[in-house]
Amino acid sequence: MMTVIIFIVATLSFGYIGSLIVKKTKRVERRIEQLMVKKVPDTEITTERNAPKKTHLKDWVKRLAKNVRTTDQKQQKLEHELESAGIPIKVEEFITIRIALFSITLLLSILLGVQYFFALLIGFVSWKLPSIYIKRKKEKRVAASGAQLPQALETMASAMKSGFSFMQAMQHVAKEMPDPIGIEFLRTIKEINLGISMDAAFDQLLKRLPNKDLEMVLTAVLIQRSTGGNLAQILETIHETISDRVRMKDELKALTSQGRISALVITLLPVGLGLLLNLMNPEYFTPMLQHPLGWALLGGGIVSGTIGWILIQKIVTIEV
């Protein structure tokens, strides 16, 4: 019996090792075939051209978005938000995605037996999630532009000292710098080349990247164009000011990190401790949840925790 077991184990082991070797050999052969140029018959090319294209999710969204309508004010607001976030979709497609998320989550919640009130609440949260995502991405993009601005100003000042014009220096930054400064500068240059005035192009740039430092730079450029002066020196001065401000912000962020962690601990510790106690003993909170005094204490704890979090955020947020 022991010999049979050893034979079976040895056979399975050799089979497994052999399959691994075969898979590795086939993987190598596939990679070699990908690098080799194959002659495709004309019949296969004709078949591929005549074959129906696969319908992707993006195509369905575009088809549904054609039936979506909104007001002009809402249209412009959402366009600016999407451009600031760097998301290349239309307003109608964005609204279609929100409607689809709301409908799908609402139907799934109802099918899973969730009460109608909570199902509507889940649907409302799913409706707001795309807006929250766009807002967060916009904030990150604007913050990234603020971090790139000192380097962009230094590059522009050096280029202008070398004999470049302002537009040439701006184009040089557009080619060398990554997103968002590079892409937005390139877009601004294209707008100016198409005949849009520099004031209007800079105004559109500020709408896409609402940064105070960038606004100061563009305002200085426009003033210099009307009054004259050494623009390279102006850009160097602004670069030093912005660099000092960025360094001060980093120092303040390091000094207030303890306060921000304290706010996080104060907010999450009671919730985490309550969930842990409920997991260890599900009946632990039953007397408190069944008595009006317990509900009053819970409400007081939530209110006091929220007030403490808001106060700490006010203290650690320092404008520079």
Protein backbone atom coordinates (compact mmCIF):
# COMPACT_ATOMS: atom_id res chain seq x y z
CA MET A 1 0.00 0.00 0.00
CA MET A 2 2.83 2.37 0.89
CA THR A 3 4.51 1.61 -2.45
CA VAL A 4 1.33 2.50 -4.36
CA ILE A 5 1.04 5.83 -2.51
CA ILE A 6 4.69 6.67 -3.23
CA PHE A 7 4.16 5.77 -6.89
CA ILE A 8 1.07 8.01 -7.15
CA VAL A 9 2.81 10.95 -5.45
CA ALA A 10 5.89 10.57 -7.65
CA THR A 11 3.75 10.38 -10.79
CA LEU A 12 1.78 13.51 -9.85
CA SER A 13 4.98 15.37 -8.99
CA PHE A 14 6.61 14.50 -12.32
CA GLY A 15 3.43 15.42 -14.15
CA TYR A 16 3.24 18.79 -12.39
CA ILE A 17 6.91 19.54 -13.10
CA GLY A 18 6.46 18.51 -16.73
CA SER A 19 3.43 20.78 -17.14
CA LEU A 20 5.40 23.70 -15.72
CA ILE A 21 8.23 23.07 -18.21
CA VAL A 22 5.78 22.84 -21.11
CA LYS A 23 4.00 26.07 -20.04
CA LYS A 24 7.32 27.90 -19.77
CA THR A 25 8.39 26.64 -23.22
CA LYS A 26 5.09 27.72 -24.78
CA ARG A 27 5.36 31.12 -23.08
CA VAL A 28 8.82 31.65 -24.58
CA GLU A 29 7.56 30.56 -28.00
CA ARG A 30 4.65 32.99 -27.82
CA ARG A 31 6.96 35.87 -26.93
CA ILE A 32 9.25 34.97 -29.86
CA GLU A 33 6.25 34.81 -32.22
CA GLN A 34 5.14 38.29 -31.10
CA LEU A 35 8.52 39.70 -32.10
CA MET A 36 8.52 37.98 -35.49
CA VAL A 37 6.86 39.65 -38.47
CA LYS A 38 4.13 37.45 -39.92
CA LYS A 39 2.72 37.65 -43.42
CA VAL A 40 -1.02 37.94 -43.10
CA PRO A 41 -3.09 36.72 -46.07
CA ASP A 42 -5.30 39.22 -47.84
CA THR A 43 -8.39 37.19 -46.95
CA GLU A 44 -7.70 37.62 -43.23
CA ILE A 45 -7.19 41.39 -43.63
CA THR A 46 -10.48 41.68 -45.51
CA THR A 47 -12.24 39.64 -42.86
CA GLU A 48 -10.88 41.86 -40.07
CA ARG A 49 -11.96 45.00 -41.87
CA ASN A 50 -15.44 43.67 -42.56
CA ALA A 51 -15.88 42.22 -39.09
CA PRO A 52 -18.21 44.17 -36.80
CA LYS A 53 -16.44 46.23 -34.16
CA LYS A 54 -16.90 45.31 -30.53
CA THR A 55 -19.11 47.64 -28.56
CA HIS A 56 -17.36 48.88 -25.46
CA LEU A 57 -18.79 50.43 -22.36
CA LYS A 58 -17.56 53.85 -23.44
CA ASP A 59 -19.59 53.59 -26.65
CA TRP A 60 -22.73 52.79 -24.70
CA VAL A 61 -22.12 55.80 -22.44
CA LYS A 62 -21.70 58.05 -25.50
CA ARG A 63 -24.95 56.77 -26.99
CA LEU A 64 -26.91 57.34 -23.80
CA ALA A 65 -25.30 60.76 -23.28
CA LYS A 66 -26.87 62.06 -26.50
CA ASN A 67 -30.26 62.12 -24.75
CA VAL A 68 -29.02 64.03 -21.68
CA ARG A 69 -29.79 67.74 -21.44
CA THR A 70 -28.86 70.33 -18.81
CA THR A 71 -28.94 74.10 -18.29
CA ASP A 72 -26.23 76.34 -19.73
CA GLN A 73 -25.07 77.43 -16.27
CA LYS A 74 -24.77 73.82 -15.07
CA GLN A 75 -23.06 72.91 -18.33
CA GLN A 76 -20.36 75.56 -17.94
CA LYS A 77 -19.81 74.75 -14.27
CA LEU A 78 -19.35 71.03 -14.93
CA GLU A 79 -17.10 71.75 -17.93
CA HIS A 80 -14.78 73.82 -15.75
CA GLU A 81 -14.77 71.12 -13.06
CA LEU A 82 -13.93 68.35 -15.54
CA GLU A 83 -11.21 70.45 -17.19
CA SER A 84 -9.69 71.33 -13.83
CA ALA A 85 -9.67 67.66 -12.84
CA GLY A 86 -8.10 66.70 -16.18
CA ILE A 87 -10.85 64.18 -17.04
CA PRO A 88 -11.42 64.05 -20.84
CA ILE A 89 -15.16 63.37 -20.90
CA LYS A 90 -18.17 65.49 -21.83
CA VAL A 91 -20.67 66.87 -19.37
CA GLU A 92 -23.43 64.69 -20.81
CA GLU A 93 -21.29 61.58 -20.35
CA PHE A 94 -20.53 62.54 -16.76
CA ILE A 95 -24.24 62.99 -15.98
CA THR A 96 -24.98 59.66 -17.68
CA ILE A 97 -22.42 57.91 -15.45
CA ARG A 98 -24.02 59.43 -12.34
CA ILE A 99 -27.51 58.33 -13.41
CA ALA A 100 -26.27 54.82 -14.21
CA LEU A 101 -24.54 54.48 -10.82
CA PHE A 102 -27.62 55.72 -8.99
CA SER A 103 -29.96 53.36 -10.87
CA ILE A 104 -27.74 50.29 -10.54
CA THR A 105 -27.06 50.72 -6.81
CA LEU A 106 -30.71 51.50 -6.09
CA LEU A 107 -31.95 48.40 -7.94
CA LEU A 108 -29.31 46.15 -6.38
CA SER A 109 -30.15 47.42 -2.90
CA ILE A 110 -33.86 46.76 -3.42
CA LEU A 111 -33.19 43.29 -4.87
CA LEU A 112 -30.97 42.44 -1.90
CA GLY A 113 -33.83 43.26 0.47
CA VAL A 114 -32.59 46.60 1.78
CA GLN A 115 -35.28 48.93 3.12
CA TYR A 116 -36.41 51.65 0.71
CA PHE A 117 -35.04 54.47 2.86
CA PHE A 118 -31.58 52.94 3.08
CA ALA A 119 -31.74 51.97 -0.60
CA LEU A 120 -32.39 55.60 -1.50
CA LEU A 121 -29.58 56.64 0.83
CA ILE A 122 -27.16 54.23 -0.89
CA GLY A 123 -28.31 55.52 -4.28
CA PHE A 124 -27.75 59.11 -3.20
CA VAL A 125 -24.23 58.27 -2.03
CA SER A 126 -23.48 56.60 -5.38
CA TRP A 127 -24.86 59.70 -7.13
CA LYS A 128 -22.47 61.94 -5.19
CA LEU A 129 -19.38 59.71 -5.55
CA PRO A 130 -18.40 60.92 -9.08
CA SER A 131 -18.59 64.56 -7.91
CA ILE A 132 -16.45 63.77 -4.88
CA TYR A 133 -13.94 61.98 -7.12
CA ILE A 134 -13.74 64.96 -9.48
CA LYS A 135 -13.34 67.38 -6.58
CA ARG A 136 -10.49 65.36 -5.05
CA LYS A 137 -8.76 64.97 -8.40
CA LYS A 138 -9.12 68.70 -9.07
CA GLU A 139 -7.58 69.54 -5.69
CA LYS A 140 -4.66 67.17 -6.34
CA ARG A 141 -4.12 68.61 -9.81
CA VAL A 142 -4.18 72.20 -8.58
CA ALA A 143 -1.80 71.31 -5.75
CA ALA A 144 0.53 69.60 -8.25
CA SER A 145 0.51 72.71 -10.44
CA GLY A 146 1.44 74.82 -7.43
CA ALA A 147 4.36 72.51 -6.68
CA GLN A 148 5.56 72.66 -10.32
CA LEU A 149 5.21 76.42 -10.67
CA PRO A 150 8.56 77.43 -9.06
CA GLN A 151 10.49 75.16 -11.41
CA ALA A 152 8.50 76.44 -14.39
CA LEU A 153 9.25 80.06 -13.45
CA GLU A 154 12.94 79.31 -13.02
CA THR A 155 13.04 77.64 -16.45
CA MET A 156 11.19 80.54 -18.09
CA ALA A 157 13.46 83.14 -16.49
CA SER A 158 16.58 81.28 -17.62
CA ALA A 159 15.19 80.92 -21.15
CA MET A 160 14.34 84.61 -21.38
CA LYS A 161 17.82 85.55 -20.21
CA SER A 162 19.16 83.40 -23.05
CA GLY A 163 17.22 85.48 -25.58
CA PHE A 164 13.90 83.66 -25.78
CA SER A 165 10.65 85.62 -25.91
CA PHE A 166 7.96 85.04 -23.29
CA MET A 167 5.90 82.83 -25.61
CA GLN A 168 8.97 80.80 -26.59
CA ALA A 169 9.90 80.35 -22.93
CA MET A 170 6.33 79.29 -22.16
CA GLN A 171 6.43 76.82 -25.04
CA HIS A 172 9.73 75.43 -23.76
CA VAL A 173 8.12 74.83 -20.34
CA ALA A 174 5.11 73.20 -22.04
CA LYS A 175 7.42 70.70 -23.74
CA GLU A 176 9.65 69.98 -20.75
CA MET A 177 7.20 69.95 -17.83
CA PRO A 178 4.74 67.10 -17.16
CA ASP A 179 1.04 67.37 -16.43
CA PRO A 180 -0.60 69.62 -15.31
CA ILE A 181 1.66 72.63 -15.98
CA GLY A 182 3.00 71.31 -19.29
CA ILE A 183 -0.38 70.36 -20.75
CA GLU A 184 -2.14 73.54 -19.59
CA PHE A 185 0.63 75.83 -20.87
CA LEU A 186 0.53 74.04 -24.23
CA ARG A 187 -3.23 74.47 -24.39
CA THR A 188 -2.89 78.18 -23.60
CA ILE A 189 -0.28 78.61 -26.35
CA LYS A 190 -2.59 76.91 -28.86
CA GLU A 191 -5.45 79.21 -27.86
CA ILE A 192 -3.27 82.30 -28.37
CA ASN A 193 -2.06 80.99 -31.75
CA LEU A 194 -5.68 80.51 -32.81
CA GLY A 195 -6.36 84.23 -32.29
CA ILE A 196 -7.61 84.39 -28.69
CA SER A 197 -6.25 87.36 -26.79
CA MET A 198 -3.67 86.74 -24.12
CA ASP A 199 -5.98 88.11 -21.42
CA ALA A 200 -8.74 85.66 -22.37
CA ALA A 201 -6.31 82.74 -22.67
CA PHE A 202 -4.83 83.46 -19.24
CA ASP A 203 -8.33 83.78 -17.81
CA GLN A 204 -9.21 80.33 -19.16
CA LEU A 205 -5.96 78.97 -17.74
CA LEU A 206 -6.87 80.29 -14.29
CA LYS A 207 -10.32 78.70 -14.53
CA ARG A 208 -8.71 75.34 -15.26
CA LEU A 209 -6.02 75.78 -12.58
CA PRO A 210 -7.39 78.13 -9.89
CA ASN A 211 -4.09 78.71 -8.13
CA LYS A 212 -3.29 82.01 -6.38
CA ASP A 213 0.42 81.83 -7.18
CA LEU A 214 -0.33 81.23 -10.85
CA GLU A 215 -2.76 84.14 -10.79
CA MET A 216 -0.02 86.37 -9.40
CA VAL A 217 2.36 85.29 -12.17
CA LEU A 218 -0.14 85.89 -14.97
CA THR A 219 -1.17 89.25 -13.53
CA ALA A 220 2.49 90.32 -13.40
CA VAL A 221 2.97 89.26 -17.03
CA LEU A 222 -0.07 91.23 -18.19
CA ILE A 223 1.03 94.32 -16.25
CA GLN A 224 4.53 94.07 -17.70
CA ARG A 225 3.10 93.92 -21.23
CA SER A 226 1.31 97.23 -20.69
CA THR A 227 3.91 99.08 -18.60
CA GLY A 228 7.20 97.48 -19.66
CA GLY A 229 10.10 96.23 -17.57
CA ASN A 230 12.48 93.31 -17.24
CA LEU A 231 10.14 90.29 -17.29
CA ALA A 232 12.93 87.80 -16.57
CA GLN A 233 13.80 89.64 -13.35
CA ILE A 234 10.12 89.83 -12.40
CA LEU A 235 9.76 86.09 -12.88
CA GLU A 236 12.86 85.46 -10.76
CA THR A 237 11.46 87.60 -7.95
CA ILE A 238 8.11 85.79 -8.06
CA HIS A 239 9.97 82.47 -8.15
CA GLU A 240 11.82 83.33 -4.93
CA THR A 241 8.60 84.45 -3.24
CA ILE A 242 6.70 81.30 -4.23
CA SER A 243 9.64 79.05 -3.26
CA ASP A 244 9.77 80.61 0.22
CA ARG A 245 6.02 80.19 0.56
CA VAL A 246 6.18 76.52 -0.47
CA ARG A 247 9.01 75.89 1.98
CA MET A 248 7.04 77.58 4.76
CA LYS A 249 3.97 75.48 3.93
CA ASP A 250 6.05 72.30 4.21
CA GLU A 251 7.42 73.40 7.56
CA LEU A 252 3.93 74.23 8.86
CA LYS A 253 2.66 70.88 7.60
CA ALA A 254 5.39 69.11 9.56
CA LEU A 255 4.73 71.17 12.70
CA THR A 256 0.97 70.59 12.61
CA SER A 257 1.16 66.89 11.77
CA GLN A 258 0.66 65.95 15.44
CA GLY A 259 -2.55 67.98 15.58
CA ARG A 260 -3.90 66.40 12.40
CA ILE A 261 -3.13 62.90 13.71
CA SER A 262 -4.85 63.82 16.99
CA ALA A 263 -7.97 64.85 15.08
CA LEU A 264 -7.94 61.54 13.22
CA VAL A 265 -7.50 59.53 16.43
CA ILE A 266 -10.22 61.46 18.28
CA THR A 267 -12.63 60.85 15.40
CA LEU A 268 -11.92 57.19 14.67
CA LEU A 269 -10.97 55.77 18.09
CA PRO A 270 -14.53 55.72 19.58
CA VAL A 271 -15.94 54.24 16.37
CA GLY A 272 -13.26 51.56 16.12
CA LEU A 273 -13.53 50.70 19.82
CA GLY A 274 -17.32 50.44 19.57
CA LEU A 275 -17.10 48.11 16.56
CA LEU A 276 -14.50 45.97 18.31
CA LEU A 277 -16.62 45.64 21.48
CA ASN A 278 -19.69 44.84 19.43
CA LEU A 279 -17.74 42.15 17.56
CA MET A 280 -16.49 40.61 20.80
CA ASN A 281 -19.86 40.79 22.58
CA PRO A 282 -22.86 41.62 20.34
CA GLU A 283 -25.13 42.15 23.37
CA TYR A 284 -22.78 44.63 25.05
CA PHE A 285 -24.50 47.76 23.69
CA THR A 286 -28.06 46.39 23.86
CA PRO A 287 -29.05 48.16 27.11
CA MET A 288 -27.73 51.51 25.87
CA LEU A 289 -29.43 51.23 22.48
CA GLN A 290 -32.79 50.32 24.06
CA HIS A 291 -32.87 53.21 26.54
CA PRO A 292 -33.52 56.91 25.68
CA LEU A 293 -30.59 57.94 27.87
CA GLY A 294 -28.28 55.75 25.81
CA TRP A 295 -29.44 57.43 22.59
CA ALA A 296 -28.88 60.84 24.20
CA LEU A 297 -25.35 59.83 25.23
CA LEU A 298 -24.59 58.55 21.72
CA GLY A 299 -25.87 61.78 20.20
CA GLY A 300 -23.81 63.83 22.63
CA GLY A 301 -20.70 61.81 21.82
CA ILE A 302 -21.18 62.26 18.08
CA VAL A 303 -21.76 66.01 18.44
CA SER A 304 -18.80 66.54 20.77
CA GLY A 305 -16.51 64.44 18.55
CA THR A 306 -17.53 66.42 15.48
CA ILE A 307 -17.00 69.74 17.26
CA GLY A 308 -13.57 68.61 18.46
CA TRP A 309 -12.56 67.55 14.94
CA ILE A 310 -13.70 70.89 13.48
CA LEU A 311 -11.86 72.90 16.14
CA ILE A 312 -8.62 70.97 15.64
CA GLN A 313 -8.88 71.45 11.86
CA LYS A 314 -9.34 75.19 12.41
CA ILE A 315 -6.28 75.30 14.66
CA VAL A 316 -3.92 73.34 12.40
CA THR A 317 -5.03 75.11 9.18
CA ILE A 318 -2.74 78.12 8.80
CA GLU A 319 -2.95 80.34 5.72
CA VAL A 320 0.41 81.35 4.27
